[in-house]
Amino acid sequence: MPTTTLATQLDSYPGTFDTVFTSRSHDTALDFLRFLARELSTGTVDLPCFPDVMIRIRSALADPNTKPERIVTLVGAEPRLAARLLQTANSAAFNTSGKPLHDLRTAITRLGHQLVQSAAMAFAVQQMKHADELRSIAKPLAELWRECISVASVSYAVAKRTRVSPDEAFLTGLVHGIGRLYIMVRAVDHPGEFGSYQVFLDRVTDWHSQIGKAVLENWGFPDDMCNAVGDQNDFERRWKRDEELSDILIASIALAPALTNPSARTVSTAGITAFHNIRVNEPDCEAILAQAEAQLASLHDALG
């Protein structure tokens, strides 16, 4: 959905939020979302405390003329990012050989473009979590990031059963919550204006996927990743052969909560067409979750 369409939808939105909202806080919340949508439609991504090194790396990797030395220079200019990338490359999740790496160039080559971006995203979120300006939402930010890592882990395992690149699926899972992150960070300067802050976050569920899609579009992410983030809540999505990444993300979001309850490995796929589209049935889900769980602890160590 183009960002301008999102703004138009918000302009005409007739519904109401939960009754805990006053009329004023309901109107304020919608006005806030309209503002974000219109701002994003102009190409403006205003995400306070988000290190722009992640965007510079993303742009460089998207340019086919970029030489490896350029990526090494960009990463090496930020020692904490370099340390995060080396930690990721040496993690059990991505270093099956067990042979340690000590130089950036080799680590970048081993990880590949998608996982380098994943490490850069992890670094950026870590900086945000520790920013004084965002201290009031440090806990929900940390919870969101843990959820994103879980979804990324499941997405990687699911993608291995398809023709979609597991690394691309992993990165998509990692950034699927960027819309919620964007709304949370931008709302932090408006305490009390939306009624209950937590209820406000719950009520914007209908919109965060499209806000996230717009953010990724502005950052120059590939169309299939942007569309997947935008489609993530479409459980009845029809199969579009060229956008299978969307089905992987939808299925992974449905599966990921089971990772927090190891005794509950039976997940119902009823009503979620994505599972049918990627030919994953309920017995398959247990194996997928076991694979995701096996690497989850290592991922949390590497990505924070």
Protein backbone atom coordinates (compact mmCIF):
# COMPACT_ATOMS: atom_id res chain seq x y z
CA MET A 1 0.00 0.00 0.00
CA PRO A 2 1.55 3.38 -0.97
CA THR A 3 2.14 5.67 1.98
CA THR A 4 -0.23 8.26 0.50
CA THR A 5 -2.99 5.63 0.53
CA LEU A 6 -2.31 4.96 4.21
CA ALA A 7 -2.69 8.68 4.94
CA THR A 8 -5.97 8.73 3.00
CA GLN A 9 -7.28 5.73 4.93
CA LEU A 10 -6.48 7.40 8.22
CA ASP A 11 -8.24 10.56 7.07
CA SER A 12 -11.43 8.58 6.43
CA TYR A 13 -11.13 6.16 9.34
CA PRO A 14 -14.62 5.97 10.94
CA GLY A 15 -13.91 3.52 13.75
CA THR A 16 -13.26 4.14 17.40
CA PHE A 17 -10.57 2.95 19.73
CA ASP A 18 -11.24 1.16 23.00
CA THR A 19 -13.69 2.80 25.37
CA VAL A 20 -10.85 3.62 27.78
CA PHE A 21 -10.00 6.42 25.38
CA THR A 22 -11.72 9.74 25.75
CA SER A 23 -13.00 11.35 22.56
CA ARG A 24 -10.10 13.78 22.74
CA SER A 25 -7.41 11.08 23.13
CA HIS A 26 -9.00 9.07 20.30
CA ASP A 27 -8.85 12.10 18.00
CA THR A 28 -5.32 12.89 19.13
CA ALA A 29 -4.14 9.34 18.40
CA LEU A 30 -5.61 9.40 14.90
CA ASP A 31 -4.17 12.85 14.25
CA PHE A 32 -0.78 11.56 15.34
CA LEU A 33 -0.96 8.57 12.99
CA ARG A 34 -2.10 10.81 10.13
CA PHE A 35 0.86 13.07 10.78
CA LEU A 36 3.31 10.16 10.67
CA ALA A 37 1.76 8.83 7.45
CA ARG A 38 1.91 12.20 5.71
CA GLU A 39 5.45 12.79 6.92
CA LEU A 40 6.58 9.42 5.58
CA SER A 41 4.85 10.11 2.26
CA THR A 42 7.23 13.04 1.76
CA GLY A 43 10.24 10.76 2.19
CA THR A 44 10.97 11.92 5.72
CA VAL A 45 11.93 9.25 8.25
CA ASP A 46 12.43 10.94 11.61
CA LEU A 47 13.53 8.27 14.06
CA PRO A 48 15.30 9.87 17.03
CA CYS A 49 18.33 8.08 18.47
CA PHE A 50 18.51 5.70 15.49
CA PRO A 51 22.15 5.59 14.25
CA ASP A 52 22.29 6.48 10.56
CA VAL A 53 25.19 4.08 10.02
CA MET A 54 22.60 1.35 9.48
CA ILE A 55 21.06 3.32 6.59
CA ARG A 56 24.50 4.09 5.12
CA ILE A 57 25.38 0.39 5.16
CA ARG A 58 22.01 -0.50 3.63
CA SER A 59 22.54 2.03 0.81
CA ALA A 60 26.07 0.86 0.15
CA LEU A 61 25.06 -2.79 -0.01
CA ALA A 62 22.23 -1.95 -2.41
CA ASP A 63 24.70 -0.35 -4.84
CA PRO A 64 26.22 -3.02 -7.13
CA ASN A 65 29.26 -0.79 -7.62
CA THR A 66 30.17 -0.75 -3.94
CA LYS A 67 33.46 -2.48 -3.26
CA PRO A 68 33.93 -4.68 -0.18
CA GLU A 69 36.48 -2.21 1.19
CA ARG A 70 33.73 0.41 1.41
CA ILE A 71 31.61 -1.81 3.65
CA VAL A 72 34.60 -2.62 5.83
CA THR A 73 35.29 1.11 6.17
CA LEU A 74 31.69 1.91 7.08
CA VAL A 75 31.53 -0.82 9.71
CA GLY A 76 35.02 -0.15 11.03
CA ALA A 77 34.22 3.53 11.58
CA GLU A 78 31.90 2.47 14.41
CA PRO A 79 33.84 0.17 16.77
CA ARG A 80 30.73 -0.99 18.62
CA LEU A 81 29.10 -2.01 15.36
CA ALA A 82 32.27 -3.80 14.28
CA ALA A 83 32.26 -5.73 17.56
CA ARG A 84 28.57 -6.62 17.09
CA LEU A 85 29.20 -7.85 13.55
CA LEU A 86 32.16 -9.99 14.60
CA GLN A 87 30.11 -11.41 17.46
CA THR A 88 27.32 -12.28 15.02
CA ALA A 89 29.73 -13.90 12.55
CA ASN A 90 31.24 -16.00 15.35
CA SER A 91 27.91 -17.01 16.90
CA ALA A 92 26.85 -20.64 16.81
CA ALA A 93 23.85 -19.63 14.68
CA PHE A 94 26.00 -18.40 11.80
CA ASN A 95 29.38 -20.08 12.33
CA THR A 96 28.71 -23.77 11.98
CA SER A 97 32.39 -24.51 11.39
CA GLY A 98 33.30 -23.22 14.84
CA LYS A 99 36.45 -21.60 13.42
CA PRO A 100 36.75 -18.13 14.98
CA LEU A 101 37.00 -15.00 12.86
CA HIS A 102 39.00 -11.96 13.88
CA ASP A 103 38.90 -9.55 10.91
CA LEU A 104 35.96 -7.58 9.58
CA ARG A 105 36.41 -8.36 5.90
CA THR A 106 36.21 -12.11 6.46
CA ALA A 107 33.27 -11.70 8.83
CA ILE A 108 31.38 -9.58 6.27
CA THR A 109 32.09 -12.10 3.54
CA ARG A 110 30.92 -14.99 5.71
CA LEU A 111 27.70 -13.29 6.75
CA GLY A 112 26.66 -11.86 3.39
CA HIS A 113 24.67 -8.71 2.69
CA GLN A 114 21.43 -9.65 4.45
CA LEU A 115 23.06 -10.74 7.70
CA VAL A 116 25.39 -7.73 7.73
CA GLN A 117 22.26 -5.59 7.62
CA SER A 118 20.78 -7.69 10.41
CA ALA A 119 23.83 -7.03 12.59
CA ALA A 120 23.64 -3.31 11.76
CA MET A 121 19.96 -3.27 12.72
CA ALA A 122 20.77 -5.01 16.00
CA PHE A 123 23.42 -2.39 16.74
CA ALA A 124 20.98 0.43 15.99
CA VAL A 125 18.29 -0.96 18.28
CA GLN A 126 20.82 -1.48 21.08
CA GLN A 127 21.78 2.19 20.87
CA MET A 128 18.13 3.20 21.05
CA LYS A 129 17.47 0.98 24.06
CA HIS A 130 20.19 2.77 26.01
CA ALA A 131 19.40 6.33 24.90
CA ASP A 132 18.47 8.66 27.77
CA GLU A 133 15.71 10.23 25.66
CA LEU A 134 14.00 6.85 25.31
CA ARG A 135 14.46 5.63 28.87
CA SER A 136 10.70 5.71 29.51
CA ILE A 137 10.10 3.06 26.81
CA ALA A 138 13.28 1.02 27.32
CA LYS A 139 11.30 -1.98 28.57
CA PRO A 140 8.77 -2.14 25.69
CA LEU A 141 11.61 -1.57 23.22
CA ALA A 142 13.52 -4.52 24.70
CA GLU A 143 10.39 -6.69 24.59
CA LEU A 144 9.74 -5.75 20.97
CA TRP A 145 13.32 -6.57 20.01
CA ARG A 146 13.15 -9.98 21.70
CA GLU A 147 9.99 -10.68 19.73
CA CYS A 148 11.67 -9.59 16.49
CA ILE A 149 14.60 -11.95 17.11
CA SER A 150 12.17 -14.82 17.74
CA VAL A 151 10.24 -14.09 14.54
CA ALA A 152 13.53 -13.82 12.62
CA SER A 153 14.68 -17.19 13.97
CA VAL A 154 11.42 -18.86 12.93
CA SER A 155 11.48 -17.09 9.54
CA TYR A 156 14.94 -18.51 8.87
CA ALA A 157 13.75 -22.05 9.67
CA VAL A 158 10.58 -21.68 7.60
CA ALA A 159 12.43 -20.23 4.59
CA LYS A 160 14.69 -23.28 4.45
CA ARG A 161 11.60 -25.19 3.31
CA THR A 162 10.99 -22.80 0.42
CA ARG A 163 12.84 -21.19 -2.46
CA VAL A 164 13.17 -17.92 -0.54
CA SER A 165 16.62 -17.01 0.82
CA PRO A 166 16.75 -17.85 4.55
CA ASP A 167 18.99 -14.82 5.13
CA GLU A 168 16.44 -12.54 3.46
CA ALA A 169 13.66 -14.09 5.52
CA PHE A 170 15.73 -13.62 8.68
CA LEU A 171 16.25 -9.91 8.01
CA THR A 172 12.56 -9.49 7.19
CA GLY A 173 11.61 -11.10 10.48
CA LEU A 174 14.07 -8.88 12.30
CA VAL A 175 12.60 -5.66 10.87
CA HIS A 176 8.95 -6.71 10.86
CA GLY A 177 8.33 -4.63 14.00
CA ILE A 178 9.88 -1.42 12.65
CA GLY A 179 6.42 0.19 12.41
CA ARG A 180 5.72 -0.38 16.10
CA LEU A 181 9.21 0.81 16.97
CA TYR A 182 8.70 3.94 14.87
CA ILE A 183 5.35 4.75 16.49
CA MET A 184 6.65 4.06 20.01
CA VAL A 185 9.69 6.29 19.60
CA ARG A 186 7.78 9.13 17.99
CA ALA A 187 5.04 8.98 20.65
CA VAL A 188 7.46 9.22 23.55
CA ASP A 189 7.33 13.04 23.44
CA HIS A 190 3.54 13.00 23.88
CA PRO A 191 3.04 11.50 27.34
CA GLY A 192 -0.59 11.37 28.42
CA GLU A 193 -2.01 12.71 25.16
CA PHE A 194 -3.41 9.35 24.03
CA GLY A 195 -4.85 8.19 27.34
CA SER A 196 -3.06 5.02 28.44
CA TYR A 197 0.25 4.70 26.57
CA GLN A 198 0.11 0.90 26.54
CA VAL A 199 -3.49 0.89 25.33
CA PHE A 200 -2.47 3.35 22.63
CA LEU A 201 0.20 0.92 21.44
CA ASP A 202 -2.34 -1.88 21.43
CA ARG A 203 -4.82 0.16 19.45
CA VAL A 204 -2.37 1.08 16.66
CA THR A 205 -1.97 -2.60 15.77
CA ASP A 206 -4.11 -2.01 12.69
CA TRP A 207 -1.64 0.54 11.35
CA HIS A 208 1.87 -0.40 12.43
CA SER A 209 2.46 -2.77 9.52
CA GLN A 210 1.77 -0.06 6.96
CA ILE A 211 3.86 2.48 8.86
CA GLY A 212 6.65 -0.10 8.91
CA LYS A 213 6.30 -0.72 5.19
CA ALA A 214 6.56 3.01 4.53
CA VAL A 215 9.70 3.31 6.67
CA LEU A 216 11.40 0.45 4.81
CA GLU A 217 10.36 1.88 1.44
CA ASN A 218 11.96 5.19 2.36
CA TRP A 219 15.11 3.37 3.42
CA GLY A 220 15.31 1.64 0.05
CA PHE A 221 14.60 -1.94 1.10
CA PRO A 222 13.54 -4.36 -1.68
CA ASP A 223 9.87 -4.43 -2.63
CA ASP A 224 9.33 -8.01 -1.48
CA MET A 225 10.57 -7.18 2.02
CA CYS A 226 8.48 -3.99 2.19
CA ASN A 227 5.40 -5.86 1.00
CA ALA A 228 5.96 -8.66 3.50
CA VAL A 229 6.09 -6.21 6.40
CA GLY A 230 2.97 -4.51 5.08
CA ASP A 231 1.15 -7.86 4.67
CA GLN A 232 2.11 -9.32 8.05
CA ASN A 233 -1.40 -9.07 9.55
CA ASP A 234 -3.18 -10.44 6.46
CA PHE A 235 -3.93 -13.96 7.68
CA GLU A 236 -6.31 -14.55 4.77
CA ARG A 237 -3.86 -13.31 2.17
CA ARG A 238 -4.27 -14.86 -1.26
CA TRP A 239 -1.24 -16.57 -2.72
CA LYS A 240 0.83 -14.34 -4.97
CA ARG A 241 3.63 -16.45 -6.31
CA ASP A 242 6.11 -13.54 -6.51
CA GLU A 243 5.61 -12.53 -2.87
CA GLU A 244 6.16 -15.77 -0.99
CA LEU A 245 8.24 -13.88 1.56
CA SER A 246 4.97 -12.42 2.88
CA ASP A 247 3.64 -15.90 3.62
CA ILE A 248 6.85 -16.85 5.43
CA LEU A 249 6.60 -13.79 7.66
CA ILE A 250 2.89 -14.27 8.40
CA ALA A 251 3.41 -17.91 9.33
CA SER A 252 6.47 -17.08 11.44
CA ILE A 253 4.62 -14.40 13.40
CA ALA A 254 1.92 -16.98 14.16
CA LEU A 255 4.52 -19.56 15.26
CA ALA A 256 6.94 -17.38 17.24
CA PRO A 257 4.88 -17.08 20.48
CA ALA A 258 5.23 -20.85 20.94
CA LEU A 259 8.98 -20.36 21.48
CA THR A 260 8.23 -18.88 24.90
CA ASN A 261 6.32 -22.03 25.88
CA PRO A 262 8.47 -25.09 25.07
CA SER A 263 5.74 -27.48 26.20
CA ALA A 264 3.29 -26.07 23.62
CA ARG A 265 4.57 -27.20 20.25
CA THR A 266 1.17 -27.83 18.67
CA VAL A 267 0.21 -24.71 16.74
CA SER A 268 -3.09 -24.39 14.93
CA THR A 269 -2.77 -23.25 11.33
CA ALA A 270 -6.52 -22.85 10.88
CA GLY A 271 -7.58 -19.60 9.26
CA ILE A 272 -4.04 -18.64 8.22
CA THR A 273 -3.70 -19.21 4.48
CA ALA A 274 0.04 -18.50 4.58
CA PHE A 275 0.69 -22.00 5.95
CA HIS A 276 -1.13 -23.52 2.98
CA ASN A 277 0.68 -21.23 0.55
CA ILE A 278 4.12 -22.38 1.71
CA ARG A 279 2.97 -26.00 2.24
CA VAL A 280 3.61 -26.11 5.97
CA ASN A 281 1.19 -28.23 8.01
CA GLU A 282 0.74 -28.58 11.76
CA PRO A 283 3.20 -31.51 12.15
CA ASP A 284 5.82 -29.41 10.31
CA CYS A 285 5.41 -26.62 12.84
CA GLU A 286 6.94 -28.67 15.67
CA ALA A 287 10.10 -29.32 13.65
CA ILE A 288 10.34 -25.66 12.62
CA LEU A 289 10.02 -24.49 16.21
CA ALA A 290 12.64 -26.98 17.37
CA GLN A 291 15.08 -25.65 14.76
CA ALA A 292 14.34 -22.03 15.71
CA GLU A 293 14.70 -22.74 19.42
CA ALA A 294 18.05 -24.43 18.90
CA GLN A 295 19.59 -21.22 17.62
CA LEU A 296 17.57 -18.70 19.62
CA ALA A 297 19.91 -18.38 22.61
CA SER A 298 22.87 -17.81 20.30
CA LEU A 299 20.92 -15.19 18.37
CA HIS A 300 20.00 -13.32 21.55
CA ASP A 301 23.67 -13.29 22.55
CA ALA A 302 24.75 -12.04 19.11
CA LEU A 303 21.95 -9.55 18.44
CA GLY A 304 21.14 -8.42 21.94
